[in-house]
Protein backbone atom coordinates (compact mmCIF):
# COMPACT_ATOMS: atom_id res chain seq x y z
CA MET A 1 -42.35 15.41 -4.39
CA LYS A 2 -42.28 16.55 -8.03
CA LEU A 3 -44.94 14.82 -10.10
CA ARG A 4 -44.80 13.86 -13.76
CA ARG A 5 -48.12 12.00 -14.07
CA SER A 6 -48.99 13.68 -17.36
CA VAL A 7 -46.92 15.18 -20.15
CA ILE A 8 -49.12 16.78 -22.79
CA PHE A 9 -47.97 17.53 -26.34
CA ILE A 10 -49.38 20.69 -27.94
CA PRO A 11 -48.74 21.16 -31.69
CA GLY A 12 -46.63 24.23 -32.36
CA THR A 13 -48.79 25.41 -35.22
CA LEU A 14 -52.16 25.57 -33.53
CA ASP A 15 -53.65 29.04 -33.32
CA GLU A 16 -51.63 31.00 -30.77
CA ASN A 17 -54.64 31.88 -28.63
CA ALA A 18 -55.75 28.24 -28.72
CA ILE A 19 -52.34 27.14 -27.46
CA ARG A 20 -52.40 29.81 -24.77
CA HIS A 21 -55.82 28.59 -23.60
CA ARG A 22 -54.64 24.97 -23.63
CA ILE A 23 -51.58 25.84 -21.53
CA GLN A 24 -53.73 27.64 -18.97
CA SER A 25 -56.52 25.07 -18.76
CA CYS A 26 -55.14 21.57 -19.45
CA GLY A 27 -53.91 20.85 -15.91
CA ALA A 28 -51.00 18.66 -17.03
CA ASP A 29 -47.90 18.32 -14.87
CA VAL A 30 -45.64 18.97 -17.89
CA ILE A 31 -46.77 21.01 -20.89
CA CYS A 32 -44.72 20.38 -24.03
CA LEU A 33 -44.90 22.61 -27.09
CA ASP A 34 -44.06 20.49 -30.12
CA LEU A 35 -41.71 21.37 -32.98
CA GLU A 36 -41.40 17.87 -34.39
CA ASP A 37 -43.95 15.64 -36.11
CA THR A 38 -46.98 17.89 -35.64
CA VAL A 39 -45.31 20.83 -37.41
CA HIS A 40 -45.05 20.82 -41.20
CA PRO A 41 -41.50 21.57 -42.45
CA SER A 42 -42.70 24.76 -44.11
CA ARG A 43 -43.93 26.11 -40.76
CA LYS A 44 -41.02 25.30 -38.44
CA ASP A 45 -39.77 28.91 -38.17
CA GLU A 46 -43.29 30.19 -37.54
CA ALA A 47 -43.73 27.63 -34.75
CA ARG A 48 -40.34 28.46 -33.20
CA ALA A 49 -41.15 32.16 -33.01
CA MET A 50 -44.56 31.54 -31.47
CA ILE A 51 -43.18 29.08 -28.93
CA VAL A 52 -40.60 31.64 -27.79
CA ARG A 53 -43.38 34.15 -27.16
CA LEU A 54 -45.45 31.64 -25.22
CA LEU A 55 -42.55 30.41 -23.09
CA ARG A 56 -41.95 33.97 -21.93
CA GLU A 57 -45.55 34.50 -20.80
CA ASP A 58 -46.75 34.05 -17.22
CA ILE A 59 -49.50 31.59 -18.17
CA TRP A 60 -48.10 28.22 -17.12
CA GLY A 61 -49.38 27.87 -13.58
CA ARG A 62 -47.86 24.80 -11.89
CA GLY A 63 -47.08 23.10 -15.23
CA ALA A 64 -43.43 22.58 -16.12
CA ARG A 65 -42.46 24.25 -19.43
CA ALA A 66 -41.15 21.89 -22.10
CA ILE A 67 -40.44 21.80 -25.81
CA ARG A 68 -39.99 18.85 -28.15
CA ILE A 69 -37.29 19.40 -30.74
CA ASN A 70 -36.81 17.70 -34.09
CA PRO A 71 -34.78 14.46 -34.35
CA ALA A 72 -31.58 14.89 -32.42
CA SER A 73 -29.31 13.80 -35.28
CA THR A 74 -30.69 16.35 -37.78
CA PRO A 75 -29.82 20.00 -38.49
CA LEU A 76 -33.42 20.89 -37.59
CA ALA A 77 -32.70 20.04 -33.95
CA GLU A 78 -29.78 22.45 -33.80
CA THR A 79 -31.92 25.17 -35.37
CA ASP A 80 -34.65 24.50 -32.79
CA LEU A 81 -32.15 24.90 -30.00
CA ARG A 82 -30.50 28.04 -31.32
CA MET A 83 -33.80 29.79 -32.10
CA VAL A 84 -35.87 28.68 -29.10
CA VAL A 85 -33.43 27.88 -26.29
CA GLY A 86 -31.24 30.76 -27.37
CA ALA A 87 -34.15 33.18 -27.06
CA ALA A 88 -36.05 31.65 -24.12
CA GLY A 89 -33.72 29.19 -22.39
CA ARG A 90 -34.22 30.71 -18.94
CA PHE A 91 -37.91 29.79 -19.12
CA ILE A 92 -37.50 26.13 -20.18
CA ASP A 93 -37.59 23.26 -17.69
CA THR A 94 -37.43 20.28 -20.05
CA ILE A 95 -36.51 19.39 -23.62
CA MET A 96 -38.01 16.28 -25.19
CA LEU A 97 -35.35 14.70 -27.40
CA SER A 98 -36.82 13.08 -30.50
CA LYS A 99 -35.36 9.87 -31.89
CA PRO A 100 -31.89 9.86 -30.32
CA GLU A 101 -30.18 6.58 -31.13
CA LYS A 102 -26.54 7.21 -30.24
CA VAL A 103 -24.75 8.77 -27.29
CA GLU A 104 -23.28 11.28 -29.74
CA ASP A 105 -26.77 12.64 -30.48
CA ILE A 106 -27.24 13.64 -26.84
CA GLU A 107 -23.68 14.86 -26.38
CA LYS A 108 -24.22 17.20 -29.33
CA ILE A 109 -27.31 18.64 -27.63
CA ASP A 110 -25.23 19.19 -24.48
CA GLU A 111 -22.56 21.06 -26.47
CA ILE A 112 -25.04 23.35 -28.20
CA ILE A 113 -26.89 24.22 -24.98
CA SER A 114 -23.58 24.87 -23.21
CA ASP A 115 -22.64 27.35 -25.95
CA LEU A 116 -26.07 28.98 -25.72
CA ARG A 117 -25.75 29.36 -21.94
CA GLU A 118 -22.52 31.27 -22.36
CA GLU A 119 -23.84 33.37 -25.23
CA HIS A 120 -27.23 34.26 -23.69
CA GLN A 121 -26.35 34.18 -19.99
CA PHE A 122 -28.89 31.80 -18.49
CA ASP A 123 -28.01 29.21 -15.85
CA ASN A 124 -31.21 27.36 -14.97
CA ARG A 125 -31.09 23.60 -15.29
CA ILE A 126 -32.77 22.13 -18.38
CA GLY A 127 -33.47 18.41 -18.21
CA TYR A 128 -33.98 15.99 -21.10
CA VAL A 129 -36.61 13.38 -21.76
CA VAL A 130 -35.08 10.79 -24.09
CA GLY A 131 -37.66 9.32 -26.45
CA ILE A 132 -37.23 5.58 -27.02
CA GLU A 133 -38.52 5.37 -30.58
CA SER A 134 -36.57 2.68 -32.44
CA ALA A 135 -34.98 -0.74 -32.16
CA SER A 136 -31.57 0.93 -31.91
CA ALA A 137 -32.67 3.23 -29.10
CA LEU A 138 -34.15 0.34 -27.13
CA THR A 139 -30.97 -1.69 -27.66
CA ASN A 140 -28.79 1.24 -26.59
CA ILE A 141 -31.09 2.40 -23.79
CA ASP A 142 -28.60 2.14 -20.94
CA MET A 143 -26.00 4.16 -22.81
CA LEU A 144 -28.59 6.81 -23.72
CA ALA A 145 -29.85 6.93 -20.14
CA SER A 146 -26.41 7.44 -18.61
CA CYS A 147 -24.49 9.56 -21.13
CA SER A 148 -25.41 13.00 -19.76
CA PRO A 149 -26.25 14.43 -16.33
CA ASN A 150 -29.02 16.35 -18.06
CA VAL A 151 -31.05 13.23 -18.88
CA ASP A 152 -34.00 13.21 -16.48
CA ALA A 153 -36.40 10.71 -18.02
CA LEU A 154 -37.02 8.01 -20.60
CA GLY A 155 -40.23 8.08 -22.63
CA LEU A 156 -41.90 5.27 -24.56
CA ALA A 157 -43.06 6.20 -28.06
CA ILE A 158 -45.13 3.27 -29.31
CA GLY A 159 -45.86 4.69 -32.77
CA ASP A 160 -42.32 5.07 -34.08
CA LEU A 161 -41.10 2.09 -32.08
CA SER A 162 -43.80 -0.10 -33.60
CA VAL A 163 -42.75 0.95 -37.09
CA SER A 164 -39.12 0.16 -36.28
CA LEU A 165 -39.96 -3.26 -34.81
CA HIS A 166 -42.67 -4.14 -37.40
CA ILE A 167 -45.29 -4.41 -34.65
CA ASN A 168 -48.85 -4.54 -35.99
CA ILE A 169 -50.03 -1.71 -33.79
CA GLY A 170 -53.06 -0.91 -35.97
CA ALA A 171 -54.76 -4.19 -35.15
CA TYR A 172 -53.93 -3.79 -31.46
CA LEU A 173 -55.40 -0.30 -31.28
CA GLN A 174 -58.63 -1.54 -32.82
CA ASP A 175 -58.96 -4.57 -30.53
CA ARG A 176 -56.54 -5.24 -27.69
CA SER A 177 -58.01 -8.69 -27.15
CA THR A 178 -56.31 -9.88 -30.37
CA TYR A 179 -53.05 -10.14 -28.39
CA PRO A 180 -52.93 -12.22 -25.18
CA GLY A 181 -51.81 -9.57 -22.69
CA ASP A 182 -50.04 -6.24 -23.09
CA LEU A 183 -48.38 -6.04 -26.51
CA PHE A 184 -45.80 -3.59 -25.12
CA HIS A 185 -45.07 -5.26 -21.80
CA PHE A 186 -41.44 -6.03 -22.65
CA HIS A 187 -40.75 -2.54 -23.98
CA ARG A 188 -42.33 -0.94 -20.94
CA ALA A 189 -40.43 -3.17 -18.55
CA ARG A 190 -37.14 -2.46 -20.31
CA ILE A 191 -37.66 1.30 -20.06
CA ILE A 192 -38.60 1.09 -16.38
CA LEU A 193 -35.54 -1.08 -15.66
CA ALA A 194 -33.21 1.41 -17.36
CA ALA A 195 -34.87 4.38 -15.68
CA ARG A 196 -34.58 2.88 -12.21
CA THR A 197 -31.01 1.71 -12.83
CA HIS A 198 -29.92 5.24 -13.73
CA GLY A 199 -32.15 7.23 -11.37
CA LEU A 200 -34.51 8.65 -14.00
CA TRP A 201 -38.21 9.21 -14.47
CA ALA A 202 -40.08 6.69 -16.64
CA LEU A 203 -42.87 8.00 -18.88
CA ASP A 204 -45.39 5.64 -20.46
CA ALA A 205 -46.57 5.83 -24.07
CA PRO A 206 -49.59 7.87 -25.14
CA TRP A 207 -52.88 6.19 -26.00
CA PRO A 208 -53.63 7.57 -29.48
CA VAL A 209 -57.40 6.92 -29.57
CA ILE A 210 -58.28 10.27 -28.05
CA ASN A 211 -61.85 9.70 -26.85
CA ASP A 212 -61.37 6.11 -25.69
CA HIS A 213 -61.12 7.05 -22.03
CA ALA A 214 -61.91 3.57 -20.74
CA THR A 215 -58.91 2.02 -22.49
CA LEU A 216 -56.73 5.04 -21.69
CA GLY A 217 -57.55 4.68 -18.01
CA GLU A 218 -56.84 0.95 -18.05
CA ASP A 219 -53.59 1.48 -19.96
CA ALA A 220 -52.46 4.21 -17.57
CA ARG A 221 -53.28 2.08 -14.55
CA TRP A 222 -51.25 -0.82 -15.99
CA GLY A 223 -48.30 1.52 -16.47
CA MET A 224 -48.58 2.92 -12.96
CA MET A 225 -48.67 -0.61 -11.51
CA MET A 226 -45.54 -1.52 -13.49
CA GLY A 227 -43.64 1.48 -12.13
CA PHE A 228 -44.08 4.34 -14.59
CA ASP A 229 -44.10 7.82 -13.06
CA GLY A 230 -46.51 9.20 -15.64
CA LYS A 231 -47.88 9.04 -19.15
CA LEU A 232 -47.57 11.03 -22.35
CA VAL A 233 -50.91 12.46 -23.49
CA LEU A 234 -52.07 13.92 -26.77
CA ALA A 235 -55.11 16.01 -25.84
CA PRO A 236 -56.39 17.99 -22.82
CA GLU A 237 -59.34 15.66 -22.34
CA GLN A 238 -56.91 12.81 -21.61
CA VAL A 239 -55.17 14.56 -18.70
CA ARG A 240 -57.79 13.99 -16.01
CA THR A 241 -58.24 10.35 -17.03
CA VAL A 242 -54.51 9.76 -16.55
CA HIS A 243 -54.44 11.64 -13.25
CA GLU A 244 -57.36 9.56 -12.00
CA ALA A 245 -55.56 6.36 -13.03
CA TYR A 246 -52.48 7.44 -11.07
CA ARG A 247 -54.55 8.53 -8.07
CA PRO A 248 -54.57 5.85 -5.34
CA THR A 249 -57.81 4.32 -4.15
CA ASP A 250 -59.12 5.10 -0.67
CA ALA A 251 -57.97 1.64 0.43
CA GLU A 252 -54.45 2.28 -0.88
CA VAL A 253 -54.31 5.63 0.90
CA ALA A 254 -55.53 4.14 4.18
CA TYR A 255 -52.91 1.38 3.92
CA ALA A 256 -50.12 3.90 3.16
CA ARG A 257 -51.05 6.02 6.16
CA ASP A 258 -51.21 2.95 8.38
CA VAL A 259 -47.81 1.78 7.15
CA LEU A 260 -46.16 5.14 7.90
CA SER A 261 -47.85 5.39 11.31
CA ARG A 262 -46.84 1.88 12.32
CA MET A 263 -43.27 2.28 11.05
CA GLU A 264 -42.95 5.52 13.04
CA ALA A 265 -44.22 3.72 16.16
CA LEU A 266 -41.78 0.85 15.62
CA GLU A 267 -38.89 3.26 15.19
CA GLN A 268 -39.77 5.02 18.45
CA VAL A 269 -39.37 1.77 20.38
CA GLY A 270 -36.19 0.79 18.59
CA GLU A 271 -37.70 -1.81 16.25
CA GLY A 272 -36.95 -2.02 12.52
CA SER A 273 -39.83 -4.26 11.53
CA GLY A 274 -43.25 -5.45 12.66
CA MET A 275 -46.74 -6.48 11.58
CA SER A 276 -49.78 -4.62 10.26
CA GLY A 277 -52.55 -7.17 10.43
CA GLU A 278 -51.13 -10.05 8.44
CA MET A 279 -48.68 -7.82 6.53
CA PHE A 280 -45.00 -7.80 7.49
CA LEU A 281 -43.51 -4.30 7.59
CA ASP A 282 -39.91 -3.15 7.34
CA PRO A 283 -38.24 0.06 6.08
CA VAL A 284 -38.62 -0.89 2.40
CA VAL A 285 -42.34 -0.07 2.61
CA ILE A 286 -41.81 3.58 3.60
CA GLU A 287 -40.93 5.13 0.22
CA PRO A 288 -43.81 3.45 -1.71
CA ALA A 289 -46.22 4.68 0.99
CA ARG A 290 -44.91 8.23 0.63
CA ARG A 291 -45.29 8.07 -3.14
CA THR A 292 -48.86 6.86 -2.72
CA LEU A 293 -49.74 9.82 -0.52
CA ALA A 294 -48.00 12.28 -2.87
CA ARG A 295 -50.10 11.04 -5.80
CA TYR A 296 -53.25 11.21 -3.66
CA GLU A 297 -52.60 14.80 -2.58
CA ALA A 298 -51.80 16.05 -6.08
CA PRO A 299 -54.51 18.04 -7.91
CA LEU A 300 -56.58 16.16 -10.48
């Protein structure tokens, strides 16, 4: 089972050796080199050239190779694609799409990559993570999720989304008790609903207070309980905290193993359902149990 517990963003203008070290040591499931917000406009070409070099290197281990391009509706996005995907497309697993709001934004990406495939002769699949970053994107989420077979995942971006919706995120980051519950519960639930409806991954928002591991762990655990497959992270030191939050407890693992064992025994005697202690079992419990064991067996 492919895991997407953590997707780390690495700024495209860090020192090249520092990026190389971060790729090799961070342990994230998806490693995303960023061309968007973390890269000053005057340094975009420099970042593109460096990212091409790094994508070609055998330094990625088990991490999927990803890039985040500039906003999908801007000329910068097309330049990103032509310079980076054109030169290193065969090495890319995933493209993070920034701020798409209309189906046409994603269809344009499809057209450009199709042209690049023909021109540069690569045929590996490249999936998209669609960032949900505005009121329009959240409103149009089902259309964005279903407009291209290349869309693999939906990602929650609480910073830009908060600006768009006028959410007072600053106060919430300083003290989550000022709001009764999870300030982003609706937005999370809406993304999970769309992802499940259209057969996609759902990626939870990053926690931007880098060294607040207690809140990060709690936030990641909430997301996992709601149904997210993983979480966006901003620094290497956040990766293990997220992986630990997504790792089942010993009790959860024992229950999952018991469920699978009992369901196998029921199937062997021609029964479709039965009891485990006081818990009723039927086939619907099998897939969640398998997911639990896959998360448990994954490296921290």
